[in-house]
N, C-alpha and C. Protein backbone atom coordinates (compact mmCIF):
# COMPACT_ATOMS: atom_id res chain seq x y z
N MET A 1 89.05 -10.48 -149.41
CA MET A 1 88.55 -11.81 -149.17
C MET A 1 87.21 -11.69 -148.45
N ALA A 2 86.20 -12.35 -148.95
CA ALA A 2 84.87 -12.31 -148.35
C ALA A 2 84.78 -13.30 -147.20
N VAL A 3 84.06 -12.88 -146.18
CA VAL A 3 83.85 -13.75 -145.01
C VAL A 3 82.67 -14.66 -145.32
N LYS A 4 82.87 -15.94 -145.18
CA LYS A 4 81.82 -16.91 -145.46
C LYS A 4 80.93 -17.08 -144.23
N LYS A 5 79.64 -16.89 -144.39
CA LYS A 5 78.69 -17.07 -143.29
C LYS A 5 78.27 -18.52 -143.22
N HIS A 6 78.10 -19.00 -142.00
CA HIS A 6 77.64 -20.38 -141.81
C HIS A 6 76.14 -20.44 -142.01
N ASP A 7 75.69 -21.47 -142.64
CA ASP A 7 74.26 -21.66 -142.86
C ASP A 7 73.69 -22.47 -141.70
N ASN A 8 73.04 -21.79 -140.78
CA ASN A 8 72.44 -22.45 -139.61
C ASN A 8 70.96 -22.73 -139.80
N SER A 9 70.43 -22.50 -140.97
CA SER A 9 69.00 -22.64 -141.19
C SER A 9 68.53 -24.09 -140.98
N ARG A 10 69.35 -25.06 -141.37
CA ARG A 10 68.96 -26.46 -141.16
C ARG A 10 68.91 -26.80 -139.68
N LYS A 11 69.89 -26.30 -138.91
CA LYS A 11 69.90 -26.56 -137.47
C LYS A 11 68.69 -25.92 -136.81
N LYS A 12 68.38 -24.69 -137.22
CA LYS A 12 67.23 -23.99 -136.64
C LYS A 12 65.93 -24.71 -136.96
N ALA A 13 65.80 -25.17 -138.19
CA ALA A 13 64.59 -25.88 -138.60
C ALA A 13 64.44 -27.19 -137.83
N ALA A 14 65.54 -27.90 -137.63
CA ALA A 14 65.48 -29.16 -136.89
C ALA A 14 65.12 -28.91 -135.43
N ALA A 15 65.69 -27.87 -134.84
CA ALA A 15 65.38 -27.54 -133.45
C ALA A 15 63.93 -27.14 -133.30
N LYS A 16 63.41 -26.37 -134.25
CA LYS A 16 62.02 -25.94 -134.20
C LYS A 16 61.07 -27.13 -134.32
N ALA A 17 61.43 -28.09 -135.15
CA ALA A 17 60.58 -29.27 -135.37
C ALA A 17 60.51 -30.15 -134.13
N THR A 18 61.54 -30.13 -133.29
CA THR A 18 61.55 -31.01 -132.13
C THR A 18 61.09 -30.34 -130.85
N ARG A 19 60.74 -29.08 -130.90
CA ARG A 19 60.27 -28.38 -129.69
C ARG A 19 58.95 -28.95 -129.24
N THR A 20 58.79 -29.02 -127.92
CA THR A 20 57.53 -29.52 -127.37
C THR A 20 56.75 -28.42 -126.68
N ASN A 21 57.20 -27.17 -126.77
CA ASN A 21 56.50 -26.10 -126.09
C ASN A 21 55.50 -25.41 -127.00
N ALA A 22 55.03 -26.10 -128.00
CA ALA A 22 54.00 -25.57 -128.88
C ALA A 22 52.71 -25.40 -128.07
N PRO A 23 51.85 -24.46 -128.47
CA PRO A 23 50.63 -24.20 -127.69
C PRO A 23 49.74 -25.42 -127.49
N ASP A 24 49.72 -26.34 -128.47
CA ASP A 24 48.84 -27.49 -128.35
C ASP A 24 49.47 -28.65 -127.58
N ALA A 25 50.74 -28.55 -127.24
CA ALA A 25 51.41 -29.61 -126.48
C ALA A 25 51.23 -29.34 -124.99
N GLU A 26 50.60 -30.26 -124.31
CA GLU A 26 50.35 -30.09 -122.88
C GLU A 26 51.11 -31.17 -122.12
N VAL A 27 51.82 -30.76 -121.07
CA VAL A 27 52.56 -31.70 -120.24
C VAL A 27 51.77 -31.92 -118.97
N ARG A 28 51.47 -33.15 -118.68
CA ARG A 28 50.71 -33.50 -117.48
C ARG A 28 51.67 -33.63 -116.30
N ARG A 29 51.33 -32.98 -115.21
CA ARG A 29 52.15 -33.06 -114.01
C ARG A 29 52.07 -34.47 -113.45
N ALA A 30 53.18 -35.00 -113.00
CA ALA A 30 53.21 -36.35 -112.43
C ALA A 30 53.22 -36.31 -110.92
N ALA A 31 53.58 -35.16 -110.33
CA ALA A 31 53.67 -35.06 -108.88
C ALA A 31 53.47 -33.62 -108.46
N LEU A 32 53.09 -33.45 -107.20
CA LEU A 32 52.85 -32.14 -106.61
C LEU A 32 53.79 -31.93 -105.43
N THR A 33 54.16 -30.68 -105.19
CA THR A 33 54.87 -30.37 -103.95
C THR A 33 53.83 -30.34 -102.84
N ILE A 34 54.28 -30.28 -101.61
CA ILE A 34 53.34 -30.20 -100.49
C ILE A 34 52.47 -28.96 -100.62
N ARG A 35 53.07 -27.84 -100.97
CA ARG A 35 52.32 -26.59 -101.13
C ARG A 35 51.26 -26.72 -102.23
N GLU A 36 51.63 -27.32 -103.37
CA GLU A 36 50.66 -27.51 -104.45
C GLU A 36 49.55 -28.47 -104.05
N PHE A 37 49.91 -29.52 -103.31
CA PHE A 37 48.90 -30.47 -102.83
C PHE A 37 47.90 -29.75 -101.93
N CYS A 38 48.41 -28.91 -101.03
CA CYS A 38 47.53 -28.20 -100.10
C CYS A 38 46.62 -27.22 -100.83
N LYS A 39 47.09 -26.64 -101.92
CA LYS A 39 46.24 -25.75 -102.71
C LYS A 39 45.19 -26.55 -103.47
N ALA A 40 45.57 -27.72 -103.98
CA ALA A 40 44.64 -28.55 -104.75
C ALA A 40 43.53 -29.12 -103.88
N TYR A 41 43.86 -29.46 -102.64
CA TYR A 41 42.88 -30.00 -101.68
C TYR A 41 42.83 -28.99 -100.54
N PRO A 42 41.97 -27.98 -100.63
CA PRO A 42 42.02 -26.85 -99.69
C PRO A 42 42.34 -27.29 -98.25
N LEU A 43 43.60 -27.19 -97.94
CA LEU A 43 44.14 -27.71 -96.70
C LEU A 43 45.32 -26.83 -96.33
N SER A 44 45.40 -26.40 -95.08
CA SER A 44 46.56 -25.60 -94.69
C SER A 44 47.78 -26.52 -94.59
N GLU A 45 48.93 -25.94 -94.76
CA GLU A 45 50.15 -26.73 -94.65
C GLU A 45 50.32 -27.26 -93.23
N ALA A 46 49.90 -26.48 -92.25
CA ALA A 46 49.98 -26.94 -90.85
C ALA A 46 49.11 -28.19 -90.65
N MET A 47 47.92 -28.18 -91.22
CA MET A 47 47.04 -29.34 -91.10
C MET A 47 47.62 -30.53 -91.84
N TYR A 48 48.27 -30.28 -92.99
CA TYR A 48 48.92 -31.36 -93.73
C TYR A 48 49.95 -32.05 -92.84
N PHE A 49 50.78 -31.27 -92.18
CA PHE A 49 51.83 -31.85 -91.35
C PHE A 49 51.25 -32.56 -90.12
N LYS A 50 50.11 -32.09 -89.61
CA LYS A 50 49.44 -32.79 -88.51
C LYS A 50 48.92 -34.14 -89.00
N LEU A 51 48.30 -34.14 -90.17
CA LEU A 51 47.80 -35.40 -90.74
C LEU A 51 48.95 -36.37 -90.98
N ARG A 52 50.05 -35.86 -91.51
CA ARG A 52 51.21 -36.71 -91.79
C ARG A 52 51.76 -37.30 -90.51
N ALA A 53 51.86 -36.51 -89.46
CA ALA A 53 52.39 -36.99 -88.18
C ALA A 53 51.49 -38.07 -87.58
N ALA A 54 50.19 -37.96 -87.84
CA ALA A 54 49.23 -38.93 -87.32
C ALA A 54 49.09 -40.15 -88.24
N GLY A 55 49.82 -40.15 -89.35
CA GLY A 55 49.74 -41.28 -90.29
C GLY A 55 48.58 -41.17 -91.26
N GLY A 56 47.98 -39.99 -91.37
CA GLY A 56 46.82 -39.81 -92.24
C GLY A 56 47.09 -39.03 -93.50
N GLY A 57 48.34 -38.79 -93.81
CA GLY A 57 48.68 -38.04 -95.01
C GLY A 57 48.85 -38.94 -96.21
N PRO A 58 49.02 -38.36 -97.38
CA PRO A 58 49.24 -39.17 -98.59
C PRO A 58 50.66 -39.74 -98.62
N ARG A 59 50.86 -40.75 -99.45
CA ARG A 59 52.21 -41.28 -99.66
C ARG A 59 53.09 -40.19 -100.24
N GLU A 60 54.32 -40.16 -99.82
CA GLU A 60 55.27 -39.16 -100.30
C GLU A 60 56.47 -39.84 -100.94
N MET A 61 57.15 -39.07 -101.77
CA MET A 61 58.41 -39.55 -102.35
C MET A 61 59.38 -38.38 -102.33
N ARG A 62 60.64 -38.70 -102.27
CA ARG A 62 61.67 -37.66 -102.28
C ARG A 62 62.27 -37.60 -103.68
N VAL A 63 62.37 -36.39 -104.19
CA VAL A 63 63.02 -36.12 -105.46
C VAL A 63 64.11 -35.11 -105.14
N GLY A 64 65.32 -35.63 -105.00
CA GLY A 64 66.40 -34.77 -104.51
C GLY A 64 66.09 -34.39 -103.07
N ARG A 65 65.99 -33.11 -102.82
CA ARG A 65 65.66 -32.65 -101.47
C ARG A 65 64.19 -32.30 -101.32
N LYS A 66 63.44 -32.37 -102.42
CA LYS A 66 62.02 -32.03 -102.38
C LYS A 66 61.18 -33.24 -102.00
N VAL A 67 60.14 -32.98 -101.26
CA VAL A 67 59.15 -34.00 -100.94
C VAL A 67 57.99 -33.80 -101.91
N MET A 68 57.67 -34.84 -102.66
CA MET A 68 56.63 -34.75 -103.68
C MET A 68 55.54 -35.79 -103.40
N ILE A 69 54.36 -35.51 -103.91
CA ILE A 69 53.23 -36.41 -103.79
C ILE A 69 52.77 -36.72 -105.21
N SER A 70 52.82 -37.98 -105.58
CA SER A 70 52.41 -38.33 -106.95
C SER A 70 50.91 -38.09 -107.10
N ILE A 71 50.48 -37.90 -108.33
CA ILE A 71 49.06 -37.69 -108.61
C ILE A 71 48.27 -38.91 -108.16
N GLU A 72 48.84 -40.10 -108.35
CA GLU A 72 48.16 -41.32 -107.93
C GLU A 72 48.01 -41.37 -106.41
N ALA A 73 49.06 -40.98 -105.68
CA ALA A 73 49.00 -40.97 -104.22
C ALA A 73 47.97 -39.96 -103.73
N ALA A 74 47.89 -38.82 -104.40
CA ALA A 74 46.89 -37.81 -104.03
C ALA A 74 45.48 -38.35 -104.26
N ASP A 75 45.27 -39.02 -105.40
CA ASP A 75 43.96 -39.60 -105.70
C ASP A 75 43.60 -40.69 -104.69
N ASP A 76 44.56 -41.54 -104.34
CA ASP A 76 44.32 -42.60 -103.34
C ASP A 76 43.97 -42.00 -101.99
N TRP A 77 44.67 -40.93 -101.60
CA TRP A 77 44.42 -40.27 -100.32
C TRP A 77 43.00 -39.69 -100.30
N ARG A 78 42.61 -39.04 -101.40
CA ARG A 78 41.27 -38.46 -101.50
C ARG A 78 40.20 -39.54 -101.40
N ARG A 79 40.40 -40.65 -102.11
CA ARG A 79 39.43 -41.76 -102.05
C ARG A 79 39.32 -42.33 -100.64
N ALA A 80 40.45 -42.47 -99.97
CA ALA A 80 40.44 -42.98 -98.59
C ALA A 80 39.68 -42.04 -97.68
N ARG A 81 39.84 -40.73 -97.87
CA ARG A 81 39.11 -39.76 -97.05
C ARG A 81 37.61 -39.85 -97.34
N GLU A 82 37.26 -40.00 -98.63
CA GLU A 82 35.85 -40.13 -99.00
C GLU A 82 35.24 -41.38 -98.37
N ASN A 83 35.95 -42.50 -98.45
CA ASN A 83 35.44 -43.76 -97.87
C ASN A 83 35.30 -43.66 -96.36
N ALA A 84 36.26 -42.99 -95.71
CA ALA A 84 36.20 -42.84 -94.26
C ALA A 84 35.01 -41.98 -93.86
N SER A 85 34.72 -40.93 -94.62
CA SER A 85 33.58 -40.06 -94.28
C SER A 85 32.25 -40.76 -94.56
N GLN A 86 32.20 -41.64 -95.55
CA GLN A 86 30.97 -42.39 -95.84
C GLN A 86 30.72 -43.44 -94.76
N ALA A 87 31.79 -43.99 -94.20
CA ALA A 87 31.63 -45.00 -93.15
C ALA A 87 31.07 -44.40 -91.88
N ILE A 88 31.39 -43.14 -91.64
CA ILE A 88 30.89 -42.45 -90.44
C ILE A 88 29.44 -42.07 -90.59
N ALA A 89 29.04 -41.65 -91.79
CA ALA A 89 27.68 -41.14 -92.04
C ALA A 89 26.65 -42.21 -92.03
């Protein structure tokens, strides 16, 4: 008696068609961790926490146990810093 092999080619083709990790597919980050934020805006983590304690940090959100900063909050924080430095000059 011959063993019948299952034809998985249709499943494989469907899975391949729905993949989003193709080289031309780019996923835009929606939020940064504190460490990523500090790398993006050359800032030490210690200075970040000092700014946050003084009320001068960006808006934060919690995702599970992680503290994240949305891209919009980072942009707003940067604009506020730019405006504050222009007001002084």
